[in-house]
Amino acid sequence: MTEFILRLPAVKARTGLSRSTIYSRISSGTFVAPIKIGPHSVGWLESEVETWIELQVAASRPLAEVQR
């Protein structure tokens, strides 16, 4: 499986979160941490961001809706 690295604009677009919210949640441990991809750049593993999104959806749905 090919793993893609997402830069901040792509992470913002996929999650709907702002830059400051993303970094705040990273600090609090409620969002996936980025990986260093260069001396002054970071990125996020696409699979980790997608898993985070799936967990947010599952947590926001009542159990009855999930079982349908």
PDB file of N, CA and C in Angstrom:
ATOM      1  N   MET A   1       0.838  -1.181   0.000  1.00  0.00           N
ATOM      2  CA  MET A   1       0.000   0.000   0.000  1.00  0.00           C
ATOM      3  C   MET A   1       0.882   1.243   0.000  1.00  0.00           C
ATOM      4  N   THR A   2       0.562   2.183  -0.833  1.00  0.00           N
ATOM      5  CA  THR A   2       1.304   3.426  -0.894  1.00  0.00           C
ATOM      6  C   THR A   2       0.781   4.380   0.168  1.00  0.00           C
ATOM      7  N   GLU A   3       1.702   4.944   0.914  1.00  0.00           N
ATOM      8  CA  GLU A   3       1.336   5.900   1.960  1.00  0.00           C
ATOM      9  C   GLU A   3       1.598   7.299   1.434  1.00  0.00           C
ATOM     10  N   PHE A   4       0.612   8.174   1.566  1.00  0.00           N
ATOM     11  CA  PHE A   4       0.756   9.551   1.120  1.00  0.00           C
ATOM     12  C   PHE A   4       0.942  10.465   2.326  1.00  0.00           C
ATOM     13  N   ILE A   5       1.715  11.510   2.118  1.00  0.00           N
ATOM     14  CA  ILE A   5       1.927  12.521   3.148  1.00  0.00           C
ATOM     15  C   ILE A   5       1.130  13.757   2.748  1.00  0.00           C
ATOM     16  N   LEU A   6       0.295  14.205   3.658  1.00  0.00           N
ATOM     17  CA  LEU A   6      -0.524  15.395   3.413  1.00  0.00           C
ATOM     18  C   LEU A   6       0.130  16.605   4.065  1.00  0.00           C
ATOM     19  N   ARG A   7       0.147  17.706   3.358  1.00  0.00           N
ATOM     20  CA  ARG A   7       0.612  18.964   3.934  1.00  0.00           C
ATOM     21  C   ARG A   7      -0.573  19.655   4.599  1.00  0.00           C
ATOM     22  N   LEU A   8      -0.297  20.700   5.357  1.00  0.00           N
ATOM     23  CA  LEU A   8      -1.312  21.369   6.158  1.00  0.00           C
ATOM     24  C   LEU A   8      -2.559  21.788   5.366  1.00  0.00           C
ATOM     25  N   PRO A   9      -2.438  22.397   4.184  1.00  0.00           N
ATOM     26  CA  PRO A   9      -3.664  22.783   3.468  1.00  0.00           C
ATOM     27  C   PRO A   9      -4.589  21.595   3.176  1.00  0.00           C
ATOM     28  N   ALA A  10      -4.017  20.444   2.864  1.00  0.00           N
ATOM     29  CA  ALA A  10      -4.829  19.256   2.595  1.00  0.00           C
ATOM     30  C   ALA A  10      -5.478  18.742   3.880  1.00  0.00           C
ATOM     31  N   VAL A  11      -4.746  18.783   4.987  1.00  0.00           N
ATOM     32  CA  VAL A  11      -5.302  18.345   6.275  1.00  0.00           C
ATOM     33  C   VAL A  11      -6.452  19.271   6.680  1.00  0.00           C
ATOM     34  N   LYS A  12      -6.260  20.572   6.506  1.00  0.00           N
ATOM     35  CA  LYS A  12      -7.320  21.530   6.811  1.00  0.00           C
ATOM     36  C   LYS A  12      -8.552  21.263   5.959  1.00  0.00           C
ATOM     37  N   ALA A  13      -8.360  21.000   4.677  1.00  0.00           N
ATOM     38  CA  ALA A  13      -9.482  20.750   3.771  1.00  0.00           C
ATOM     39  C   ALA A  13     -10.226  19.472   4.134  1.00  0.00           C
ATOM     40  N   ARG A  14      -9.499  18.438   4.495  1.00  0.00           N
ATOM     41  CA  ARG A  14     -10.145  17.158   4.812  1.00  0.00           C
ATOM     42  C   ARG A  14     -10.857  17.165   6.152  1.00  0.00           C
ATOM     43  N   THR A  15     -10.311  17.894   7.116  1.00  0.00           N
ATOM     44  CA  THR A  15     -10.895  17.864   8.458  1.00  0.00           C
ATOM     45  C   THR A  15     -11.860  19.004   8.719  1.00  0.00           C
ATOM     46  N   GLY A  16     -11.716  20.094   7.997  1.00  0.00           N
ATOM     47  CA  GLY A  16     -12.525  21.275   8.263  1.00  0.00           C
ATOM     48  C   GLY A  16     -12.030  22.078   9.447  1.00  0.00           C
ATOM     49  N   LEU A  17     -10.864  21.734   9.957  1.00  0.00           N
ATOM     50  CA  LEU A  17     -10.283  22.432  11.105  1.00  0.00           C
ATOM     51  C   LEU A  17      -9.327  23.523  10.640  1.00  0.00           C
ATOM     52  N   SER A  18      -9.184  24.551  11.457  1.00  0.00           N
ATOM     53  CA  SER A  18      -8.221  25.606  11.155  1.00  0.00           C
ATOM     54  C   SER A  18      -6.825  25.176  11.599  1.00  0.00           C
ATOM     55  N   ARG A  19      -5.832  25.916  11.143  1.00  0.00           N
ATOM     56  CA  ARG A  19      -4.445  25.639  11.519  1.00  0.00           C
ATOM     57  C   ARG A  19      -4.279  25.662  13.034  1.00  0.00           C
ATOM     58  N   SER A  20      -4.816  26.705  13.668  1.00  0.00           N
ATOM     59  CA  SER A  20      -4.635  26.834  15.117  1.00  0.00           C
ATOM     60  C   SER A  20      -5.339  25.707  15.869  1.00  0.00           C
ATOM     61  N   THR A  21      -6.502  25.276  15.386  1.00  0.00           N
ATOM     62  CA  THR A  21      -7.209  24.172  16.034  1.00  0.00           C
ATOM     63  C   THR A  21      -6.446  22.868  15.868  1.00  0.00           C
ATOM     64  N   ILE A  22      -5.888  22.633  14.699  1.00  0.00           N
ATOM     65  CA  ILE A  22      -5.099  21.424  14.471  1.00  0.00           C
ATOM     66  C   ILE A  22      -3.933  21.371  15.450  1.00  0.00           C
ATOM     67  N   TYR A  23      -3.164  22.447  15.553  1.00  0.00           N
ATOM     68  CA  TYR A  23      -2.008  22.444  16.442  1.00  0.00           C
ATOM     69  C   TYR A  23      -2.407  22.405  17.918  1.00  0.00           C
ATOM     70  N   SER A  24      -3.526  23.012  18.254  1.00  0.00           N
ATOM     71  CA  SER A  24      -4.024  22.938  19.621  1.00  0.00           C
ATOM     72  C   SER A  24      -4.394  21.499  19.977  1.00  0.00           C
ATOM     73  N   ARG A  25      -5.060  20.827  19.055  1.00  0.00           N
ATOM     74  CA  ARG A  25      -5.449  19.441  19.300  1.00  0.00           C
ATOM     75  C   ARG A  25      -4.239  18.508  19.320  1.00  0.00           C
ATOM     76  N   ILE A  26      -3.229  18.799  18.528  1.00  0.00           N
ATOM     77  CA  ILE A  26      -1.995  18.004  18.597  1.00  0.00           C
ATOM     78  C   ILE A  26      -1.397  18.136  19.990  1.00  0.00           C
ATOM     79  N   SER A  27      -1.344  19.358  20.505  1.00  0.00           N
ATOM     80  CA  SER A  27      -0.792  19.608  21.843  1.00  0.00           C
ATOM     81  C   SER A  27      -1.576  18.887  22.934  1.00  0.00           C
ATOM     82  N   SER A  28      -2.896  18.808  22.761  1.00  0.00           N
ATOM     83  CA  SER A  28      -3.722  18.157  23.779  1.00  0.00           C
ATOM     84  C   SER A  28      -3.837  16.647  23.551  1.00  0.00           C
ATOM     85  N   GLY A  29      -3.262  16.156  22.469  1.00  0.00           N
ATOM     86  CA  GLY A  29      -3.284  14.723  22.196  1.00  0.00           C
ATOM     87  C   GLY A  29      -4.564  14.222  21.554  1.00  0.00           C
ATOM     88  N   THR A  30      -5.357  15.129  20.982  1.00  0.00           N
ATOM     89  CA  THR A  30      -6.623  14.724  20.373  1.00  0.00           C
ATOM     90  C   THR A  30      -6.602  14.787  18.842  1.00  0.00           C
ATOM     91  N   PHE A  31      -5.429  14.970  18.273  1.00  0.00           N
ATOM     92  CA  PHE A  31      -5.262  14.918  16.828  1.00  0.00           C
ATOM     93  C   PHE A  31      -3.916  14.287  16.540  1.00  0.00           C
ATOM     94  N   VAL A  32      -3.810  13.655  15.390  1.00  0.00           N
ATOM     95  CA  VAL A  32      -2.575  12.941  15.049  1.00  0.00           C
ATOM     96  C   VAL A  32      -1.408  13.909  14.878  1.00  0.00           C
ATOM     97  N   ALA A  33      -0.253  13.491  15.330  1.00  0.00           N
ATOM     98  CA  ALA A  33       0.951  14.318  15.239  1.00  0.00           C
ATOM     99  C   ALA A  33       1.533  14.246  13.829  1.00  0.00           C
ATOM    100  N   PRO A  34       2.125  15.330  13.382  1.00  0.00           N
ATOM    101  CA  PRO A  34       2.762  15.325  12.065  1.00  0.00           C
ATOM    102  C   PRO A  34       4.114  14.626  12.129  1.00  0.00           C
ATOM    103  N   ILE A  35       4.635  14.316  10.954  1.00  0.00           N
ATOM    104  CA  ILE A  35       5.988  13.779  10.852  1.00  0.00           C
ATOM    105  C   ILE A  35       6.860  14.843  10.198  1.00  0.00           C
ATOM    106  N   LYS A  36       8.106  14.860  10.556  1.00  0.00           N
ATOM    107  CA  LYS A  36       9.044  15.815   9.975  1.00  0.00           C
ATOM    108  C   LYS A  36       9.456  15.302   8.603  1.00  0.00           C
ATOM    109  N   ILE A  37       9.312  16.138   7.572  1.00  0.00           N
ATOM    110  CA  ILE A  37       9.681  15.728   6.219  1.00  0.00           C
ATOM    111  C   ILE A  37      10.813  16.571   5.640  1.00  0.00           C
ATOM    112  N   GLY A  38      11.278  17.518   6.409  1.00  0.00           N
ATOM    113  CA  GLY A  38      12.376  18.368   5.995  1.00  0.00           C
ATOM    114  C   GLY A  38      12.799  19.243   7.151  1.00  0.00           C
ATOM    115  N   PRO A  39      13.832  20.057   6.962  1.00  0.00           N
ATOM    116  CA  PRO A  39      14.308  20.884   8.061  1.00  0.00           C
ATOM    117  C   PRO A  39      13.264  21.873   8.584  1.00  0.00           C
ATOM    118  N   HIS A  40      12.371  22.320   7.725  1.00  0.00           N
ATOM    119  CA  HIS A  40      11.363  23.308   8.128  1.00  0.00           C
ATOM    120  C   HIS A  40       9.962  22.918   7.668  1.00  0.00           C
ATOM    121  N   SER A  41       9.716  21.617   7.494  1.00  0.00           N
ATOM    122  CA  SER A  41       8.399  21.214   7.007  1.00  0.00           C
ATOM    123  C   SER A  41       7.941  19.914   7.666  1.00  0.00           C
ATOM    124  N   VAL A  42       6.631  19.836   7.818  1.00  0.00           N
ATOM    125  CA  VAL A  42       6.012  18.637   8.375  1.00  0.00           C
ATOM    126  C   VAL A  42       4.856  18.221   7.484  1.00  0.00           C
ATOM    127  N   GLY A  43       4.415  16.999   7.677  1.00  0.00           N
ATOM    128  CA  GLY A  43       3.260  16.483   6.966  1.00  0.00           C
ATOM    129  C   GLY A  43       2.577  15.435   7.825  1.00  0.00           C
ATOM    130  N   TRP A  44       1.399  15.054   7.417  1.00  0.00           N
ATOM    131  CA  TRP A  44       0.623  14.058   8.145  1.00  0.00           C
ATOM    132  C   TRP A  44       0.418  12.849   7.257  1.00  0.00           C
ATOM    133  N   LEU A  45       0.485  11.658   7.844  1.00  0.00           N
ATOM    134  CA  LEU A  45       0.204  10.452   7.079  1.00  0.00           C
ATOM    135  C   LEU A  45      -1.293  10.411   6.767  1.00  0.00           C
ATOM    136  N   GLU A  46      -1.598  10.243   5.500  1.00  0.00           N
ATOM    137  CA  GLU A  46      -2.988  10.251   5.057  1.00  0.00           C
ATOM    138  C   GLU A  46      -3.811   9.214   5.806  1.00  0.00           C
ATOM    139  N   SER A  47      -3.262   8.032   6.016  1.00  0.00           N
ATOM    140  CA  SER A  47      -4.009   6.970   6.689  1.00  0.00           C
ATOM    141  C   SER A  47      -4.363   7.357   8.118  1.00  0.00           C
ATOM    142  N   GLU A  48      -3.462   8.062   8.812  1.00  0.00           N
ATOM    143  CA  GLU A  48      -3.741   8.484  10.182  1.00  0.00           C
ATOM    144  C   GLU A  48      -4.819   9.556  10.231  1.00  0.00           C
ATOM    145  N   VAL A  49      -4.787  10.474   9.274  1.00  0.00           N
ATOM    146  CA  VAL A  49      -5.817  11.522   9.211  1.00  0.00           C
ATOM    147  C   VAL A  49      -7.167  10.889   8.897  1.00  0.00           C
ATOM    148  N   GLU A  50      -7.203   9.953   7.956  1.00  0.00           N
ATOM    149  CA  GLU A  50      -8.456   9.293   7.601  1.00  0.00           C
ATOM    150  C   GLU A  50      -9.009   8.489   8.778  1.00  0.00           C
ATOM    151  N   THR A  51      -8.145   7.817   9.517  1.00  0.00           N
ATOM    152  CA  THR A  51      -8.582   7.076  10.703  1.00  0.00           C
ATOM    153  C   THR A  51      -9.151   8.027  11.745  1.00  0.00           C
ATOM    154  N   TRP A  52      -8.503   9.178  11.940  1.00  0.00           N
ATOM    155  CA  TRP A  52      -8.998  10.172  12.890  1.00  0.00           C
ATOM    156  C   TRP A  52     -10.400  10.633  12.479  1.00  0.00           C
ATOM    157  N   ILE A  53     -10.588  10.896  11.190  1.00  0.00           N
ATOM    158  CA  ILE A  53     -11.898  11.332  10.694  1.00  0.00           C
ATOM    159  C   ILE A  53     -12.939  10.244  10.961  1.00  0.00           C
ATOM    160  N   GLU A  54     -12.616   9.003  10.672  1.00  0.00           N
ATOM    161  CA  GLU A  54     -13.546   7.900  10.903  1.00  0.00           C
ATOM    162  C   GLU A  54     -13.922   7.797  12.378  1.00  0.00           C
ATOM    163  N   LEU A  55     -12.959   7.974  13.264  1.00  0.00           N
ATOM    164  CA  LEU A  55     -13.234   7.931  14.701  1.00  0.00           C
ATOM    165  C   LEU A  55     -14.136   9.079  15.131  1.00  0.00           C
ATOM    166  N   GLN A  56     -13.943  10.252  14.544  1.00  0.00           N
ATOM    167  CA  GLN A  56     -14.799  11.399  14.874  1.00  0.00           C
ATOM    168  C   GLN A  56     -16.234  11.138  14.426  1.00  0.00           C
ATOM    169  N   VAL A  57     -16.404  10.558  13.252  1.00  0.00           N
ATOM    170  CA  VAL A  57     -17.737  10.236  12.750  1.00  0.00           C
ATOM    171  C   VAL A  57     -18.392   9.205  13.662  1.00  0.00           C
ATOM    172  N   ALA A  58     -17.662   8.150  14.007  1.00  0.00           N
ATOM    173  CA  ALA A  58     -18.209   7.098  14.868  1.00  0.00           C
ATOM    174  C   ALA A  58     -18.597   7.658  16.237  1.00  0.00           C
ATOM    175  N   ALA A  59     -17.782   8.548  16.774  1.00  0.00           N
ATOM    176  CA  ALA A  59     -18.064   9.115  18.097  1.00  0.00           C
ATOM    177  C   ALA A  59     -19.257  10.061  18.073  1.00  0.00           C
ATOM    178  N   SER A  60     -19.555  10.629  16.922  1.00  0.00           N
ATOM    179  CA  SER A  60     -20.645  11.600  16.850  1.00  0.00           C
ATOM    180  C   SER A  60     -21.994  10.971  16.510  1.00  0.00           C
ATOM    181  N   ARG A  61     -21.995   9.680  16.213  1.00  0.00           N
ATOM    182  CA  ARG A  61     -23.231   8.993  15.840  1.00  0.00           C
ATOM    183  C   ARG A  61     -23.740   8.155  17.010  1.00  0.00           C
ATOM    184  N   PRO A  62     -25.029   8.230  17.293  1.00  0.00           N
ATOM    185  CA  PRO A  62     -25.587   7.327  18.308  1.00  0.00           C
ATOM    186  C   PRO A  62     -25.425   5.873  17.866  1.00  0.00           C
ATOM    187  N   LEU A  63     -25.349   4.992  18.814  1.00  0.00           N
ATOM    188  CA  LEU A  63     -25.147   3.566  18.530  1.00  0.00           C
ATOM    189  C   LEU A  63     -26.207   3.035  17.578  1.00  0.00           C
ATOM    190  N   ALA A  64     -27.446   3.464  17.710  1.00  0.00           N
ATOM    191  CA  ALA A  64     -28.522   2.981  16.847  1.00  0.00           C
ATOM    192  C   ALA A  64     -28.260   3.294  15.392  1.00  0.00           C
ATOM    193  N   GLU A  65     -27.693   4.457  15.101  1.00  0.00           N
ATOM    194  CA  GLU A  65     -27.412   4.827  13.713  1.00  0.00           C
ATOM    195  C   GLU A  65     -26.289   3.984  13.145  1.00  0.00           C
ATOM    196  N   VAL A  66     -25.301   3.635  13.961  1.00  0.00           N
ATOM    197  CA  VAL A  66     -24.169   2.844  13.506  1.00  0.00           C
ATOM    198  C   VAL A  66     -24.621   1.434  13.131  1.00  0.00           C
ATOM    199  N   GLN A  67     -25.607   0.882  13.831  1.00  0.00           N
ATOM    200  CA  GLN A  67     -26.051  -0.483  13.609  1.00  0.00           C
ATOM    201  C   GLN A  67     -26.958  -0.644  12.391  1.00  0.00           C
ATOM    202  N   ARG A  68     -27.388   0.425  11.791  1.00  0.00           N
ATOM    203  CA  ARG A  68     -28.278   0.331  10.617  1.00  0.00           C
ATOM    204  C   ARG A  68     -27.623  -0.310   9.450  1.00  0.00           C
TER     205      ARG A  68
END
